[in-house]
Amino acid sequence: MNAPSASLVPDSVREPFHILVVEDEVITRSVAAEFLRESGFVVVEAASGDEAWHYLISGGKANLVFTDLKMPGAIQGGQLINHIQANFPAIKTIVTSGNGGPFAAVTYSEFMQKPYDLDEVLDCIVKSLGIDSP
């Protein structure tokens, strides 16, 4: 028998969804992370692609990664997405950038141009995870 989809499991039974927010700008990251926590998600923050990748390969939990494209360090957002898709295909991804433009919107199925509206981010996360609410 198949397990029920996440959206059909009662909130009292369902484990909360884990979101990894990857953003080098502290204020942007903190505001997004706090909004998502208040929306019912468990949120882990990473200041770089390197930090996010280390978290994931060390067994860190994430149902979805919300990442900026351009960050300091060896692993940029695009590379992080490629690593996740190759090694953790069940993890959903959403890319954001202030400099992404049309190329990024075409390259990444889920792309949000900065500055973004937090309610739109929440809608995109809920849609990506295939749930009715966090």
C-alpha atoms as a PDB file:
ATOM      1  CA  MET A   1       0.000   0.000   0.000  1.00  0.00           C
ATOM      2  CA  ASN A   2       1.313   3.445  -0.880  1.00  0.00           C
ATOM      3  CA  ALA A   3       1.760   6.050   1.845  1.00  0.00           C
ATOM      4  CA  PRO A   4      -0.674   8.964   1.598  1.00  0.00           C
ATOM      5  CA  SER A   5       0.638  12.119  -0.019  1.00  0.00           C
ATOM      6  CA  ALA A   6       2.044  14.716   2.365  1.00  0.00           C
ATOM      7  CA  SER A   7      -0.888  17.055   1.830  1.00  0.00           C
ATOM      8  CA  LEU A   8      -3.363  14.369   2.965  1.00  0.00           C
ATOM      9  CA  VAL A   9      -1.592  13.498   6.206  1.00  0.00           C
ATOM     10  CA  PRO A  10      -3.080  15.344   9.201  1.00  0.00           C
ATOM     11  CA  ASP A  11      -0.867  18.103  10.614  1.00  0.00           C
ATOM     12  CA  SER A  12      -0.642  16.287  13.956  1.00  0.00           C
ATOM     13  CA  VAL A  13       0.940  13.262  12.233  1.00  0.00           C
ATOM     14  CA  ARG A  14       2.937  14.834   9.411  1.00  0.00           C
ATOM     15  CA  GLU A  15       6.557  15.725  10.049  1.00  0.00           C
ATOM     16  CA  PRO A  16       7.245  19.390   9.264  1.00  0.00           C
ATOM     17  CA  PHE A  17       8.892  20.229   5.966  1.00  0.00           C
ATOM     18  CA  HIS A  18      12.531  21.343   6.087  1.00  0.00           C
ATOM     19  CA  ILE A  19      13.673  24.297   3.986  1.00  0.00           C
ATOM     20  CA  LEU A  20      17.350  25.168   3.447  1.00  0.00           C
ATOM     21  CA  VAL A  21      17.680  28.900   2.723  1.00  0.00           C
ATOM     22  CA  VAL A  22      20.997  29.693   1.022  1.00  0.00           C
ATOM     23  CA  GLU A  23      21.743  33.405   0.825  1.00  0.00           C
ATOM     24  CA  ASP A  24      24.916  35.384   1.506  1.00  0.00           C
ATOM     25  CA  GLU A  25      23.081  38.627   2.344  1.00  0.00           C
ATOM     26  CA  VAL A  26      22.392  38.298   6.077  1.00  0.00           C
ATOM     27  CA  ILE A  27      19.291  40.500   6.241  1.00  0.00           C
ATOM     28  CA  THR A  28      17.686  38.938   3.162  1.00  0.00           C
ATOM     29  CA  ARG A  29      18.390  35.433   4.489  1.00  0.00           C
ATOM     30  CA  SER A  30      17.163  36.228   8.017  1.00  0.00           C
ATOM     31  CA  VAL A  31      13.929  37.846   6.857  1.00  0.00           C
ATOM     32  CA  ALA A  32      13.096  34.978   4.469  1.00  0.00           C
ATOM     33  CA  ALA A  33      14.019  32.327   7.041  1.00  0.00           C
ATOM     34  CA  GLU A  34      11.944  33.911   9.801  1.00  0.00           C
ATOM     35  CA  PHE A  35       8.940  34.306   7.491  1.00  0.00           C
ATOM     36  CA  LEU A  36       9.163  30.619   6.531  1.00  0.00           C
ATOM     37  CA  ARG A  37       9.491  29.572  10.186  1.00  0.00           C
ATOM     38  CA  GLU A  38       6.392  31.595  11.040  1.00  0.00           C
ATOM     39  CA  SER A  39       4.663  29.834   8.130  1.00  0.00           C
ATOM     40  CA  GLY A  40       5.286  26.444   9.746  1.00  0.00           C
ATOM     41  CA  PHE A  41       8.503  25.180   8.167  1.00  0.00           C
ATOM     42  CA  VAL A  42      11.682  24.031   9.851  1.00  0.00           C
ATOM     43  CA  VAL A  43      14.342  26.316   8.359  1.00  0.00           C
ATOM     44  CA  VAL A  44      18.114  25.924   8.201  1.00  0.00           C
ATOM     45  CA  GLU A  45      20.184  28.857   6.983  1.00  0.00           C
ATOM     46  CA  ALA A  46      23.409  28.743   4.987  1.00  0.00           C
ATOM     47  CA  ALA A  47      25.514  31.759   3.994  1.00  0.00           C
ATOM     48  CA  SER A  48      27.077  30.101   0.938  1.00  0.00           C
ATOM     49  CA  GLY A  49      26.757  27.231  -1.491  1.00  0.00           C
ATOM     50  CA  ASP A  50      29.745  25.614   0.201  1.00  0.00           C
ATOM     51  CA  GLU A  51      28.031  25.738   3.591  1.00  0.00           C
ATOM     52  CA  ALA A  52      24.775  24.394   2.146  1.00  0.00           C
ATOM     53  CA  TRP A  53      26.490  21.543   0.333  1.00  0.00           C
ATOM     54  CA  HIS A  54      28.430  20.572   3.467  1.00  0.00           C
ATOM     55  CA  TYR A  55      25.155  20.547   5.428  1.00  0.00           C
ATOM     56  CA  LEU A  56      23.496  18.250   2.870  1.00  0.00           C
ATOM     57  CA  ILE A  57      26.357  15.778   2.449  1.00  0.00           C
ATOM     58  CA  SER A  58      26.713  15.609   6.239  1.00  0.00           C
ATOM     59  CA  GLY A  59      23.174  14.228   6.466  1.00  0.00           C
ATOM     60  CA  GLY A  60      21.325  17.498   6.965  1.00  0.00           C
ATOM     61  CA  LYS A  61      17.641  17.336   6.192  1.00  0.00           C
ATOM     62  CA  ALA A  62      15.974  19.412   3.473  1.00  0.00           C
ATOM     63  CA  ASN A  63      12.816  18.891   1.475  1.00  0.00           C
ATOM     64  CA  LEU A  64      13.492  22.056  -0.497  1.00  0.00           C
ATOM     65  CA  VAL A  65      16.463  24.368  -1.092  1.00  0.00           C
ATOM     66  CA  PHE A  66      15.803  28.061  -1.734  1.00  0.00           C
ATOM     67  CA  THR A  67      19.093  29.462  -3.038  1.00  0.00           C
ATOM     68  CA  ASP A  68      20.585  32.621  -4.445  1.00  0.00           C
ATOM     69  CA  LEU A  69      22.593  32.247  -7.668  1.00  0.00           C
ATOM     70  CA  LYS A  70      25.606  34.434  -6.866  1.00  0.00           C
ATOM     71  CA  MET A  71      27.422  33.881  -3.587  1.00  0.00           C
ATOM     72  CA  PRO A  72      30.953  33.836  -2.261  1.00  0.00           C
ATOM     73  CA  GLY A  73      32.817  30.546  -2.184  1.00  0.00           C
ATOM     74  CA  ALA A  74      33.602  27.745  -4.580  1.00  0.00           C
ATOM     75  CA  ILE A  75      30.005  26.547  -5.057  1.00  0.00           C
ATOM     76  CA  GLN A  76      27.657  29.067  -6.645  1.00  0.00           C
ATOM     77  CA  GLY A  77      23.880  28.622  -6.657  1.00  0.00           C
ATOM     78  CA  GLY A  78      23.774  26.990 -10.088  1.00  0.00           C
ATOM     79  CA  GLN A  79      26.448  24.486  -9.111  1.00  0.00           C
ATOM     80  CA  LEU A  80      24.638  23.766  -5.858  1.00  0.00           C
ATOM     81  CA  ILE A  81      21.452  23.011  -7.794  1.00  0.00           C
ATOM     82  CA  ASN A  82      23.379  20.678 -10.126  1.00  0.00           C
ATOM     83  CA  HIS A  83      24.950  18.856  -7.144  1.00  0.00           C
ATOM     84  CA  ILE A  84      21.543  18.488  -5.479  1.00  0.00           C
ATOM     85  CA  GLN A  85      19.863  17.190  -8.643  1.00  0.00           C
ATOM     86  CA  ALA A  86      22.655  14.645  -9.182  1.00  0.00           C
ATOM     87  CA  ASN A  87      22.928  13.454  -5.575  1.00  0.00           C
ATOM     88  CA  PHE A  88      19.606  14.247  -3.876  1.00  0.00           C
ATOM     89  CA  PRO A  89      16.975  14.188  -6.634  1.00  0.00           C
ATOM     90  CA  ALA A  90      14.083  14.163  -4.143  1.00  0.00           C
ATOM     91  CA  ILE A  91      15.036  17.625  -2.856  1.00  0.00           C
ATOM     92  CA  LYS A  92      13.073  20.367  -4.617  1.00  0.00           C
ATOM     93  CA  THR A  93      14.873  23.579  -5.554  1.00  0.00           C
ATOM     94  CA  ILE A  94      13.966  27.217  -6.084  1.00  0.00           C
ATOM     95  CA  VAL A  95      16.536  29.697  -7.405  1.00  0.00           C
ATOM     96  CA  THR A  96      16.527  33.430  -6.762  1.00  0.00           C
ATOM     97  CA  SER A  97      18.696  36.268  -8.026  1.00  0.00           C
ATOM     98  CA  GLY A  98      18.734  39.997  -8.473  1.00  0.00           C
ATOM     99  CA  ASN A  99      20.846  39.535 -11.592  1.00  0.00           C
ATOM    100  CA  GLY A 100      19.372  36.376 -13.091  1.00  0.00           C
ATOM    101  CA  GLY A 101      17.260  37.884 -15.830  1.00  0.00           C
ATOM    102  CA  PRO A 102      15.464  35.883 -18.524  1.00  0.00           C
ATOM    103  CA  PHE A 103      18.275  33.316 -18.832  1.00  0.00           C
ATOM    104  CA  ALA A 104      17.845  32.210 -15.227  1.00  0.00           C
ATOM    105  CA  ALA A 105      14.067  32.088 -15.539  1.00  0.00           C
ATOM    106  CA  VAL A 106      14.416  29.731 -18.520  1.00  0.00           C
ATOM    107  CA  THR A 107      17.257  27.658 -17.016  1.00  0.00           C
ATOM    108  CA  TYR A 108      15.583  26.977 -13.677  1.00  0.00           C
ATOM    109  CA  SER A 109      12.022  25.696 -13.582  1.00  0.00           C
ATOM    110  CA  GLU A 110      11.449  27.509 -10.299  1.00  0.00           C
ATOM    111  CA  PHE A 111      13.003  30.980 -10.386  1.00  0.00           C
ATOM    112  CA  MET A 112      12.158  34.091  -8.360  1.00  0.00           C
ATOM    113  CA  GLN A 113      13.556  37.480  -9.333  1.00  0.00           C
ATOM    114  CA  LYS A 114      14.798  39.657  -6.459  1.00  0.00           C
ATOM    115  CA  PRO A 115      13.390  41.585  -4.819  1.00  0.00           C
ATOM    116  CA  TYR A 116      10.729  38.966  -4.245  1.00  0.00           C
ATOM    117  CA  ASP A 117       7.483  39.061  -2.325  1.00  0.00           C
ATOM    118  CA  LEU A 118       7.559  36.633   0.623  1.00  0.00           C
ATOM    119  CA  ASP A 119       3.967  35.530   0.035  1.00  0.00           C
ATOM    120  CA  GLU A 120       4.935  34.610  -3.535  1.00  0.00           C
ATOM    121  CA  VAL A 121       7.934  32.673  -2.193  1.00  0.00           C
ATOM    122  CA  LEU A 122       5.606  30.778   0.140  1.00  0.00           C
ATOM    123  CA  ASP A 123       3.210  30.030  -2.732  1.00  0.00           C
ATOM    124  CA  CYS A 124       6.096  28.749  -4.863  1.00  0.00           C
ATOM    125  CA  ILE A 125       7.393  26.537  -2.025  1.00  0.00           C
ATOM    126  CA  VAL A 126       3.947  25.091  -1.334  1.00  0.00           C
ATOM    127  CA  LYS A 127       3.501  24.390  -5.073  1.00  0.00           C
ATOM    128  CA  SER A 128       6.985  22.851  -5.409  1.00  0.00           C
ATOM    129  CA  LEU A 129       6.394  20.549  -2.453  1.00  0.00           C
ATOM    130  CA  GLY A 130       2.934  19.613  -3.683  1.00  0.00           C
ATOM    131  CA  ILE A 131       1.229  20.470  -0.411  1.00  0.00           C
ATOM    132  CA  ASP A 132      -1.814  22.477   0.581  1.00  0.00           C
ATOM    133  CA  SER A 133      -0.068  24.292   3.424  1.00  0.00           C
ATOM    134  CA  PRO A 134       3.064  24.009   5.561  1.00  0.00           C
END
